[in-house]
Amino acid sequence: MAFLGMGWKRGFRDMLRHTITKLILLPLLCVLLLLTACYPEFEYTGDYPDLFSVAMSSILGAAGSYTGGVGFQIEVLEEDDYGRILYMYMVHCSITPIRHIIMQRSDGEYAYFYPHYNFISGLGRLSRGDAFDELKEANSWNQEMSDDSEFERVRIVRRKEAGPISDSQLLSVYQDNYPDTQINRRNNMRYWMIFFRTDDYGRTVYLGLGVGREWMYTDIAVIFQPDHSFDLETGTLVITNHNNYQTELRLFMEANGWNTPP
């Protein structure tokens, strides 16, 4: 009987140890899955690569990173008489998980859209309302396309571009802005500094994700000049509102010479 009692105690201790181990590992696994899901190395396999490409180049910090369609969705909502498409872009790994976006047109190689004001962000699906109507009006909904000189053009891709700046330089700029960071050369900088867009002359914008010792810092937009140089004084914009930053970002990019000859 004593032997049976010792075996029962030993079995109970083993079961308790395994349970505690699972409770410790589960949150760590969730974090790893989250980081993996948000990692920008992902190939979109859906039916709308043109809409995917516009979303990647319209939304600051968009990584387009889910595999197998899990947690990642593009849904066409409307099309106007001239081929403009209004669609929903949703990804769960996001501060504002639902965006409604308008693409002006695509030609199979490039997709075209109005920069900055071609989307609205929110936590719910929209179908009607003032914000919806204002988005359409700002994007010339149901108006004949007579001039596309104001459009932004992006190549249609199925994989989010990494951008032209090297990991070592991205790390240096990240550490300039977050001096207490624990990010180092072993980390993949394509997650912490997410490529946004490059202009016709080689200027490039990234979003720096503000995670460090205090867990969450404010995110920042940074701009590199055509020679890949970076100015800490003028090349950084703090993003305080992920729902409504378009005008601030536009003014920031213009102040740094966006789409003008060097």
C-alpha atoms as a PDB file:
ATOM      1  CA  MET A   1       0.000   0.000   0.000  1.00  0.00           C
ATOM      2  CA  ALA A   2       2.887   2.345   0.831  1.00  0.00           C
ATOM      3  CA  PHE A   3       4.356   1.577  -2.572  1.00  0.00           C
ATOM      4  CA  LEU A   4       1.048   2.423  -4.255  1.00  0.00           C
ATOM      5  CA  GLY A   5       0.892   5.661  -2.271  1.00  0.00           C
ATOM      6  CA  MET A   6       4.371   6.683  -3.372  1.00  0.00           C
ATOM      7  CA  GLY A   7       3.497   5.896  -6.988  1.00  0.00           C
ATOM      8  CA  TRP A   8       0.337   7.982  -6.774  1.00  0.00           C
ATOM      9  CA  LYS A   9       2.257  10.920  -5.333  1.00  0.00           C
ATOM     10  CA  ARG A  10       4.945  10.622  -7.970  1.00  0.00           C
ATOM     11  CA  GLY A  11       2.324  10.489 -10.718  1.00  0.00           C
ATOM     12  CA  PHE A  12       0.532  13.494  -9.271  1.00  0.00           C
ATOM     13  CA  ARG A  13       3.767  15.479  -9.138  1.00  0.00           C
ATOM     14  CA  ASP A  14       4.561  14.561 -12.751  1.00  0.00           C
ATOM     15  CA  MET A  15       1.069  15.586 -13.865  1.00  0.00           C
ATOM     16  CA  LEU A  16       1.354  18.868 -11.943  1.00  0.00           C
ATOM     17  CA  ARG A  17       4.771  19.568 -13.458  1.00  0.00           C
ATOM     18  CA  HIS A  18       3.487  18.910 -16.986  1.00  0.00           C
ATOM     19  CA  THR A  19       0.458  21.144 -16.367  1.00  0.00           C
ATOM     20  CA  ILE A  20       2.613  24.022 -15.102  1.00  0.00           C
ATOM     21  CA  THR A  21       4.964  23.610 -18.062  1.00  0.00           C
ATOM     22  CA  LYS A  22       2.021  23.855 -20.478  1.00  0.00           C
ATOM     23  CA  LEU A  23       0.700  26.945 -18.714  1.00  0.00           C
ATOM     24  CA  ILE A  24       4.107  28.604 -19.062  1.00  0.00           C
ATOM     25  CA  LEU A  25       4.688  27.561 -22.664  1.00  0.00           C
ATOM     26  CA  LEU A  26       1.219  28.403 -23.965  1.00  0.00           C
ATOM     27  CA  PRO A  27       1.606  32.220 -23.727  1.00  0.00           C
ATOM     28  CA  LEU A  28       5.083  31.976 -25.253  1.00  0.00           C
ATOM     29  CA  LEU A  29       3.727  29.937 -28.145  1.00  0.00           C
ATOM     30  CA  CYS A  30       0.961  32.491 -28.661  1.00  0.00           C
ATOM     31  CA  VAL A  31       3.535  35.291 -28.851  1.00  0.00           C
ATOM     32  CA  LEU A  32       5.631  33.305 -31.312  1.00  0.00           C
ATOM     33  CA  LEU A  33       2.582  32.605 -33.455  1.00  0.00           C
ATOM     34  CA  LEU A  34       1.662  36.290 -33.381  1.00  0.00           C
ATOM     35  CA  LEU A  35       5.125  37.342 -34.463  1.00  0.00           C
ATOM     36  CA  THR A  36       5.167  34.671 -37.153  1.00  0.00           C
ATOM     37  CA  ALA A  37       1.750  35.741 -38.397  1.00  0.00           C
ATOM     38  CA  CYS A  38       2.844  39.366 -38.578  1.00  0.00           C
ATOM     39  CA  TYR A  39       6.080  38.559 -40.388  1.00  0.00           C
ATOM     40  CA  PRO A  40       6.037  40.238 -43.808  1.00  0.00           C
ATOM     41  CA  GLU A  41       7.390  37.250 -45.795  1.00  0.00           C
ATOM     42  CA  PHE A  42       4.093  36.055 -47.251  1.00  0.00           C
ATOM     43  CA  GLU A  43       2.731  35.313 -50.709  1.00  0.00           C
ATOM     44  CA  TYR A  44      -0.861  36.294 -51.402  1.00  0.00           C
ATOM     45  CA  THR A  45      -2.645  33.504 -53.299  1.00  0.00           C
ATOM     46  CA  GLY A  46      -6.110  35.044 -53.582  1.00  0.00           C
ATOM     47  CA  ASP A  47      -8.011  36.399 -56.572  1.00  0.00           C
ATOM     48  CA  TYR A  48      -7.154  40.085 -56.163  1.00  0.00           C
ATOM     49  CA  PRO A  49      -3.383  40.715 -56.351  1.00  0.00           C
ATOM     50  CA  ASP A  50      -4.067  44.252 -57.625  1.00  0.00           C
ATOM     51  CA  LEU A  51      -6.196  45.056 -54.544  1.00  0.00           C
ATOM     52  CA  PHE A  52      -3.594  43.410 -52.317  1.00  0.00           C
ATOM     53  CA  SER A  53      -0.851  45.566 -53.866  1.00  0.00           C
ATOM     54  CA  VAL A  54      -2.839  48.774 -53.359  1.00  0.00           C
ATOM     55  CA  ALA A  55      -3.496  47.889 -49.712  1.00  0.00           C
ATOM     56  CA  MET A  56       0.219  47.228 -49.107  1.00  0.00           C
ATOM     57  CA  SER A  57       1.130  50.642 -50.551  1.00  0.00           C
ATOM     58  CA  SER A  58      -1.743  52.604 -49.006  1.00  0.00           C
ATOM     59  CA  ILE A  59      -1.780  51.548 -45.355  1.00  0.00           C
ATOM     60  CA  LEU A  60       1.219  52.495 -43.263  1.00  0.00           C
ATOM     61  CA  GLY A  61       2.534  49.351 -41.566  1.00  0.00           C
ATOM     62  CA  ALA A  62       0.534  46.879 -43.648  1.00  0.00           C
ATOM     63  CA  ALA A  63       2.503  43.645 -43.838  1.00  0.00           C
ATOM     64  CA  GLY A  64       0.001  41.381 -45.610  1.00  0.00           C
ATOM     65  CA  SER A  65       1.351  38.490 -43.649  1.00  0.00           C
ATOM     66  CA  TYR A  66      -1.209  35.793 -43.048  1.00  0.00           C
ATOM     67  CA  THR A  67      -0.863  32.428 -44.749  1.00  0.00           C
ATOM     68  CA  GLY A  68      -3.627  30.199 -46.009  1.00  0.00           C
ATOM     69  CA  GLY A  69      -6.188  32.991 -45.750  1.00  0.00           C
ATOM     70  CA  VAL A  70      -6.398  32.615 -41.960  1.00  0.00           C
ATOM     71  CA  GLY A  71      -7.210  35.980 -40.408  1.00  0.00           C
ATOM     72  CA  PHE A  72      -6.602  37.778 -43.704  1.00  0.00           C
ATOM     73  CA  GLN A  73      -9.367  38.888 -46.022  1.00  0.00           C
ATOM     74  CA  ILE A  74      -9.949  41.001 -49.126  1.00  0.00           C
ATOM     75  CA  GLU A  75     -13.589  41.441 -50.103  1.00  0.00           C
ATOM     76  CA  VAL A  76     -14.893  43.459 -53.053  1.00  0.00           C
ATOM     77  CA  LEU A  77     -17.838  45.617 -51.977  1.00  0.00           C
ATOM     78  CA  GLU A  78     -18.700  47.790 -54.976  1.00  0.00           C
ATOM     79  CA  GLU A  79     -17.548  48.754 -58.456  1.00  0.00           C
ATOM     80  CA  ASP A  80     -18.506  52.020 -60.108  1.00  0.00           C
ATOM     81  CA  ASP A  81     -19.401  52.647 -63.748  1.00  0.00           C
ATOM     82  CA  TYR A  82     -15.755  53.377 -64.664  1.00  0.00           C
ATOM     83  CA  GLY A  83     -14.056  50.396 -63.043  1.00  0.00           C
ATOM     84  CA  ARG A  84     -13.108  51.802 -59.649  1.00  0.00           C
ATOM     85  CA  ILE A  85     -13.286  49.159 -56.940  1.00  0.00           C
ATOM     86  CA  LEU A  86     -14.251  49.702 -53.317  1.00  0.00           C
ATOM     87  CA  TYR A  87     -13.124  46.828 -51.135  1.00  0.00           C
ATOM     88  CA  MET A  88     -12.531  45.756 -47.561  1.00  0.00           C
ATOM     89  CA  TYR A  89      -9.076  44.796 -46.352  1.00  0.00           C
ATOM     90  CA  MET A  90      -9.058  43.003 -42.990  1.00  0.00           C
ATOM     91  CA  VAL A  91      -6.221  41.516 -40.981  1.00  0.00           C
ATOM     92  CA  HIS A  92      -6.539  40.610 -37.308  1.00  0.00           C
ATOM     93  CA  CYS A  93      -2.927  41.458 -36.424  1.00  0.00           C
ATOM     94  CA  SER A  94      -3.589  45.182 -36.497  1.00  0.00           C
ATOM     95  CA  ILE A  95      -4.565  48.124 -34.322  1.00  0.00           C
ATOM     96  CA  THR A  96      -7.354  49.006 -36.777  1.00  0.00           C
ATOM     97  CA  PRO A  97      -8.204  45.665 -38.376  1.00  0.00           C
ATOM     98  CA  ILE A  98     -10.680  46.790 -41.082  1.00  0.00           C
ATOM     99  CA  ARG A  99      -9.958  49.251 -43.871  1.00  0.00           C
ATOM    100  CA  HIS A 100     -12.197  50.257 -46.731  1.00  0.00           C
ATOM    101  CA  ILE A 101     -10.072  51.117 -49.765  1.00  0.00           C
ATOM    102  CA  ILE A 102     -10.701  52.407 -53.283  1.00  0.00           C
ATOM    103  CA  MET A 103      -8.532  51.411 -56.227  1.00  0.00           C
ATOM    104  CA  GLN A 104      -8.917  53.615 -59.301  1.00  0.00           C
ATOM    105  CA  ARG A 105      -7.897  51.071 -61.913  1.00  0.00           C
ATOM    106  CA  SER A 106      -5.399  48.359 -62.809  1.00  0.00           C
ATOM    107  CA  ASP A 107      -3.884  47.258 -66.110  1.00  0.00           C
ATOM    108  CA  GLY A 108      -2.555  43.830 -65.169  1.00  0.00           C
ATOM    109  CA  GLU A 109       0.942  45.137 -64.404  1.00  0.00           C
ATOM    110  CA  TYR A 110       0.242  48.237 -62.296  1.00  0.00           C
ATOM    111  CA  ALA A 111      -2.537  49.333 -59.966  1.00  0.00           C
ATOM    112  CA  TYR A 112      -3.497  53.004 -59.519  1.00  0.00           C
ATOM    113  CA  PHE A 113      -4.949  54.894 -56.573  1.00  0.00           C
ATOM    114  CA  TYR A 114      -5.162  58.340 -55.011  1.00  0.00           C
ATOM    115  CA  PRO A 115      -2.377  58.654 -52.413  1.00  0.00           C
ATOM    116  CA  HIS A 116      -3.217  59.158 -48.714  1.00  0.00           C
ATOM    117  CA  TYR A 117      -6.989  59.556 -48.976  1.00  0.00           C
ATOM    118  CA  ASN A 118      -8.038  56.350 -50.697  1.00  0.00           C
ATOM    119  CA  PHE A 119      -9.006  54.531 -47.486  1.00  0.00           C
ATOM    120  CA  ILE A 120     -10.693  54.872 -44.114  1.00  0.00           C
ATOM    121  CA  SER A 121      -9.944  52.807 -41.019  1.00  0.00           C
ATOM    122  CA  GLY A 122     -12.164  51.449 -38.301  1.00  0.00           C
ATOM    123  CA  LEU A 123     -13.138  48.483 -36.187  1.00  0.00           C
ATOM    124  CA  GLY A 124     -16.333  47.576 -38.031  1.00  0.00           C
ATOM    125  CA  ARG A 125     -17.613  46.794 -41.491  1.00  0.00           C
ATOM    126  CA  LEU A 126     -19.195  49.799 -43.231  1.00  0.00           C
ATOM    127  CA  SER A 127     -21.868  49.876 -45.884  1.00  0.00           C
ATOM    128  CA  ARG A 128     -23.399  53.338 -45.562  1.00  0.00           C
ATOM    129  CA  GLY A 129     -22.804  56.600 -43.753  1.00  0.00           C
ATOM    130  CA  ASP A 130     -21.066  59.943 -44.013  1.00  0.00           C
ATOM    131  CA  ALA A 131     -17.539  58.509 -43.840  1.00  0.00           C
ATOM    132  CA  PHE A 132     -18.371  56.071 -46.615  1.00  0.00           C
ATOM    133  CA  ASP A 133     -19.806  58.823 -48.813  1.00  0.00           C
ATOM    134  CA  GLU A 134     -16.831  61.117 -48.131  1.00  0.00           C
ATOM    135  CA  LEU A 135     -14.419  58.341 -49.133  1.00  0.00           C
ATOM    136  CA  LYS A 136     -16.235  57.895 -52.428  1.00  0.00           C
ATOM    137  CA  GLU A 137     -16.352  61.625 -53.113  1.00  0.00           C
ATOM    138  CA  ALA A 138     -12.630  62.048 -52.380  1.00  0.00           C
ATOM    139  CA  ASN A 139     -11.895  59.276 -54.864  1.00  0.00           C
ATOM    140  CA  SER A 140     -14.092  60.608 -57.726  1.00  0.00           C
ATOM    141  CA  TRP A 141     -16.543  57.739 -57.443  1.00  0.00           C
ATOM    142  CA  ASN A 142     -18.673  57.322 -60.584  1.00  0.00           C
ATOM    143  CA  GLN A 143     -16.926  60.200 -62.316  1.00  0.00           C
ATOM    144  CA  GLU A 144     -15.292  59.737 -65.687  1.00  0.00           C
ATOM    145  CA  MET A 145     -11.519  59.245 -65.551  1.00  0.00           C
ATOM    146  CA  SER A 146     -10.056  62.072 -67.576  1.00  0.00           C
ATOM    147  CA  ASP A 147      -6.680  62.567 -65.888  1.00  0.00           C
ATOM    148  CA  ASP A 148      -4.643  60.049 -63.917  1.00  0.00           C
ATOM    149  CA  SER A 149      -1.675  62.334 -63.212  1.00  0.00           C
ATOM    150  CA  GLU A 150      -2.645  62.496 -59.539  1.00  0.00           C
ATOM    151  CA  PHE A 151      -2.699  58.719 -59.171  1.00  0.00           C
ATOM    152  CA  GLU A 152      -0.046  56.753 -57.353  1.00  0.00           C
ATOM    153  CA  ARG A 153       1.134  53.745 -59.358  1.00  0.00           C
ATOM    154  CA  VAL A 154       2.373  50.492 -57.818  1.00  0.00           C
ATOM    155  CA  ARG A 155       3.468  47.277 -59.445  1.00  0.00           C
ATOM    156  CA  ILE A 156       1.028  44.412 -58.898  1.00  0.00           C
ATOM    157  CA  VAL A 157       2.679  41.845 -56.627  1.00  0.00           C
ATOM    158  CA  ARG A 158       1.691  38.876 -54.503  1.00  0.00           C
ATOM    159  CA  ARG A 159       4.442  39.367 -51.932  1.00  0.00           C
ATOM    160  CA  LYS A 160       5.000  42.426 -49.751  1.00  0.00           C
ATOM    161  CA  GLU A 161       8.237  44.102 -50.816  1.00  0.00           C
ATOM    162  CA  ALA A 162      11.015  44.347 -48.244  1.00  0.00           C
ATOM    163  CA  GLY A 163      12.215  47.754 -49.482  1.00  0.00           C
ATOM    164  CA  PRO A 164      15.650  48.975 -50.569  1.00  0.00           C
ATOM    165  CA  ILE A 165      17.209  49.831 -47.184  1.00  0.00           C
ATOM    166  CA  SER A 166      19.589  47.258 -45.688  1.00  0.00           C
ATOM    167  CA  ASP A 167      18.877  45.535 -42.388  1.00  0.00           C
ATOM    168  CA  SER A 168      21.953  47.072 -40.794  1.00  0.00           C
ATOM    169  CA  GLN A 169      20.829  50.597 -41.656  1.00  0.00           C
ATOM    170  CA  LEU A 170      17.256  49.877 -40.537  1.00  0.00           C
ATOM    171  CA  LEU A 171      18.629  48.646 -37.222  1.00  0.00           C
ATOM    172  CA  SER A 172      20.779  51.778 -36.828  1.00  0.00           C
ATOM    173  CA  VAL A 173      17.823  54.096 -37.467  1.00  0.00           C
ATOM    174  CA  TYR A 174      15.587  52.048 -35.173  1.00  0.00           C
ATOM    175  CA  GLN A 175      18.123  52.323 -32.357  1.00  0.00           C
ATOM    176  CA  ASP A 176      18.470  56.083 -32.981  1.00  0.00           C
ATOM    177  CA  ASN A 177      14.743  56.460 -32.351  1.00  0.00           C
ATOM    178  CA  TYR A 178      14.434  53.824 -29.622  1.00  0.00           C
ATOM    179  CA  PRO A 179      17.738  53.981 -27.718  1.00  0.00           C
ATOM    180  CA  ASP A 180      16.482  51.591 -25.029  1.00  0.00           C
ATOM    181  CA  THR A 181      15.473  48.947 -27.536  1.00  0.00           C
ATOM    182  CA  GLN A 182      16.456  45.317 -27.176  1.00  0.00           C
ATOM    183  CA  ILE A 183      16.395  44.756 -30.910  1.00  0.00           C
ATOM    184  CA  ASN A 184      19.790  43.629 -32.224  1.00  0.00           C
ATOM    185  CA  ARG A 185      21.378  42.200 -35.355  1.00  0.00           C
ATOM    186  CA  ARG A 186      19.868  38.770 -34.705  1.00  0.00           C
ATOM    187  CA  ASN A 187      16.362  40.171 -35.126  1.00  0.00           C
ATOM    188  CA  ASN A 188      14.684  40.392 -38.512  1.00  0.00           C
ATOM    189  CA  MET A 189      14.402  44.112 -39.183  1.00  0.00           C
ATOM    190  CA  ARG A 190      11.765  43.568 -41.865  1.00  0.00           C
ATOM    191  CA  TYR A 191       9.282  43.047 -39.053  1.00  0.00           C
ATOM    192  CA  TRP A 192      10.329  45.962 -36.820  1.00  0.00           C
ATOM    193  CA  MET A 193      10.717  48.381 -39.762  1.00  0.00           C
ATOM    194  CA  ILE A 194       7.950  47.725 -42.296  1.00  0.00           C
ATOM    195  CA  PHE A 195       8.426  49.057 -45.811  1.00  0.00           C
ATOM    196  CA  PHE A 196       5.711  51.436 -47.050  1.00  0.00           C
ATOM    197  CA  ARG A 197       6.527  53.065 -50.369  1.00  0.00           C
ATOM    198  CA  THR A 198       9.300  54.520 -52.560  1.00  0.00           C
ATOM    199  CA  ASP A 199       8.855  57.613 -54.723  1.00  0.00           C
ATOM    200  CA  ASP A 200      10.029  58.178 -58.302  1.00  0.00           C
ATOM    201  CA  TYR A 201      13.402  59.490 -57.105  1.00  0.00           C
ATOM    202  CA  GLY A 202      14.284  56.846 -54.510  1.00  0.00           C
ATOM    203  CA  ARG A 203      12.964  58.307 -51.253  1.00  0.00           C
ATOM    204  CA  THR A 204      11.572  55.557 -49.041  1.00  0.00           C
ATOM    205  CA  VAL A 205       9.161  55.484 -46.096  1.00  0.00           C
ATOM    206  CA  TYR A 206       9.049  52.792 -43.404  1.00  0.00           C
ATOM    207  CA  LEU A 207       6.991  52.342 -40.252  1.00  0.00           C
ATOM    208  CA  GLY A 208       8.982  51.558 -37.110  1.00  0.00           C
ATOM    209  CA  LEU A 209       7.068  49.429 -34.615  1.00  0.00           C
ATOM    210  CA  GLY A 210       7.632  50.802 -31.134  1.00  0.00           C
ATOM    211  CA  VAL A 211       8.276  47.700 -29.050  1.00  0.00           C
ATOM    212  CA  GLY A 212      11.035  47.696 -26.429  1.00  0.00           C
ATOM    213  CA  ARG A 213      11.705  47.378 -22.721  1.00  0.00           C
ATOM    214  CA  GLU A 214       8.521  49.230 -21.826  1.00  0.00           C
ATOM    215  CA  TRP A 215       6.747  46.776 -24.204  1.00  0.00           C
ATOM    216  CA  MET A 216       4.941  49.407 -26.264  1.00  0.00           C
ATOM    217  CA  TYR A 217       6.345  52.650 -27.587  1.00  0.00           C
ATOM    218  CA  THR A 218       4.680  54.976 -30.048  1.00  0.00           C
ATOM    219  CA  ASP A 219       5.118  53.904 -33.672  1.00  0.00           C
ATOM    220  CA  ILE A 220       7.050  56.191 -36.019  1.00  0.00           C
ATOM    221  CA  ALA A 221       7.204  56.815 -39.755  1.00  0.00           C
ATOM    222  CA  VAL A 222      10.740  57.395 -41.030  1.00  0.00           C
ATOM    223  CA  ILE A 223      11.875  58.605 -44.430  1.00  0.00           C
ATOM    224  CA  PHE A 224      15.157  57.870 -46.203  1.00  0.00           C
ATOM    225  CA  GLN A 225      16.484  60.160 -48.915  1.00  0.00           C
ATOM    226  CA  PRO A 226      17.469  58.897 -52.413  1.00  0.00           C
ATOM    227  CA  ASP A 227      21.038  58.232 -51.236  1.00  0.00           C
ATOM    228  CA  HIS A 228      19.544  56.221 -48.296  1.00  0.00           C
ATOM    229  CA  SER A 229      20.616  58.862 -45.782  1.00  0.00           C
ATOM    230  CA  PHE A 230      18.424  59.580 -42.752  1.00  0.00           C
ATOM    231  CA  ASP A 231      18.029  62.783 -40.711  1.00  0.00           C
ATOM    232  CA  LEU A 232      16.845  62.189 -37.153  1.00  0.00           C
ATOM    233  CA  GLU A 233      15.592  65.770 -36.869  1.00  0.00           C
ATOM    234  CA  THR A 234      13.444  65.928 -39.998  1.00  0.00           C
ATOM    235  CA  GLY A 235      13.010  62.299 -41.029  1.00  0.00           C
ATOM    236  CA  THR A 236      10.794  61.035 -38.187  1.00  0.00           C
ATOM    237  CA  LEU A 237       7.043  61.352 -37.650  1.00  0.00           C
ATOM    238  CA  VAL A 238       5.331  60.020 -34.524  1.00  0.00           C
ATOM    239  CA  ILE A 239       2.114  58.144 -35.344  1.00  0.00           C
ATOM    240  CA  THR A 240      -0.318  58.727 -32.495  1.00  0.00           C
ATOM    241  CA  ASN A 241      -3.604  57.853 -34.188  1.00  0.00           C
ATOM    242  CA  HIS A 242      -3.658  54.776 -36.403  1.00  0.00           C
ATOM    243  CA  ASN A 243      -7.198  55.590 -37.525  1.00  0.00           C
ATOM    244  CA  ASN A 244      -6.478  59.083 -38.805  1.00  0.00           C
ATOM    245  CA  TYR A 245      -2.917  59.962 -39.782  1.00  0.00           C
ATOM    246  CA  GLN A 246      -3.219  60.541 -43.530  1.00  0.00           C
ATOM    247  CA  THR A 247      -2.833  64.326 -43.538  1.00  0.00           C
ATOM    248  CA  GLU A 248       0.076  64.264 -41.079  1.00  0.00           C
ATOM    249  CA  LEU A 249       1.836  61.644 -43.197  1.00  0.00           C
ATOM    250  CA  ARG A 250       1.225  63.598 -46.407  1.00  0.00           C
ATOM    251  CA  LEU A 251       2.661  66.815 -44.930  1.00  0.00           C
ATOM    252  CA  PHE A 252       5.631  64.878 -43.514  1.00  0.00           C
ATOM    253  CA  MET A 253       6.424  63.312 -46.875  1.00  0.00           C
ATOM    254  CA  GLU A 254       6.023  66.630 -48.698  1.00  0.00           C
ATOM    255  CA  ALA A 255       8.304  68.382 -46.196  1.00  0.00           C
ATOM    256  CA  ASN A 256      10.965  65.796 -47.051  1.00  0.00           C
ATOM    257  CA  GLY A 257      10.677  66.446 -50.800  1.00  0.00           C
ATOM    258  CA  TRP A 258       8.498  63.500 -51.733  1.00  0.00           C
ATOM    259  CA  ASN A 259       8.346  62.942 -55.502  1.00  0.00           C
ATOM    260  CA  THR A 260      10.433  66.011 -56.311  1.00  0.00           C
ATOM    261  CA  PRO A 261      13.891  65.924 -57.916  1.00  0.00           C
ATOM    262  CA  PRO A 262      16.734  65.742 -55.364  1.00  0.00           C
END
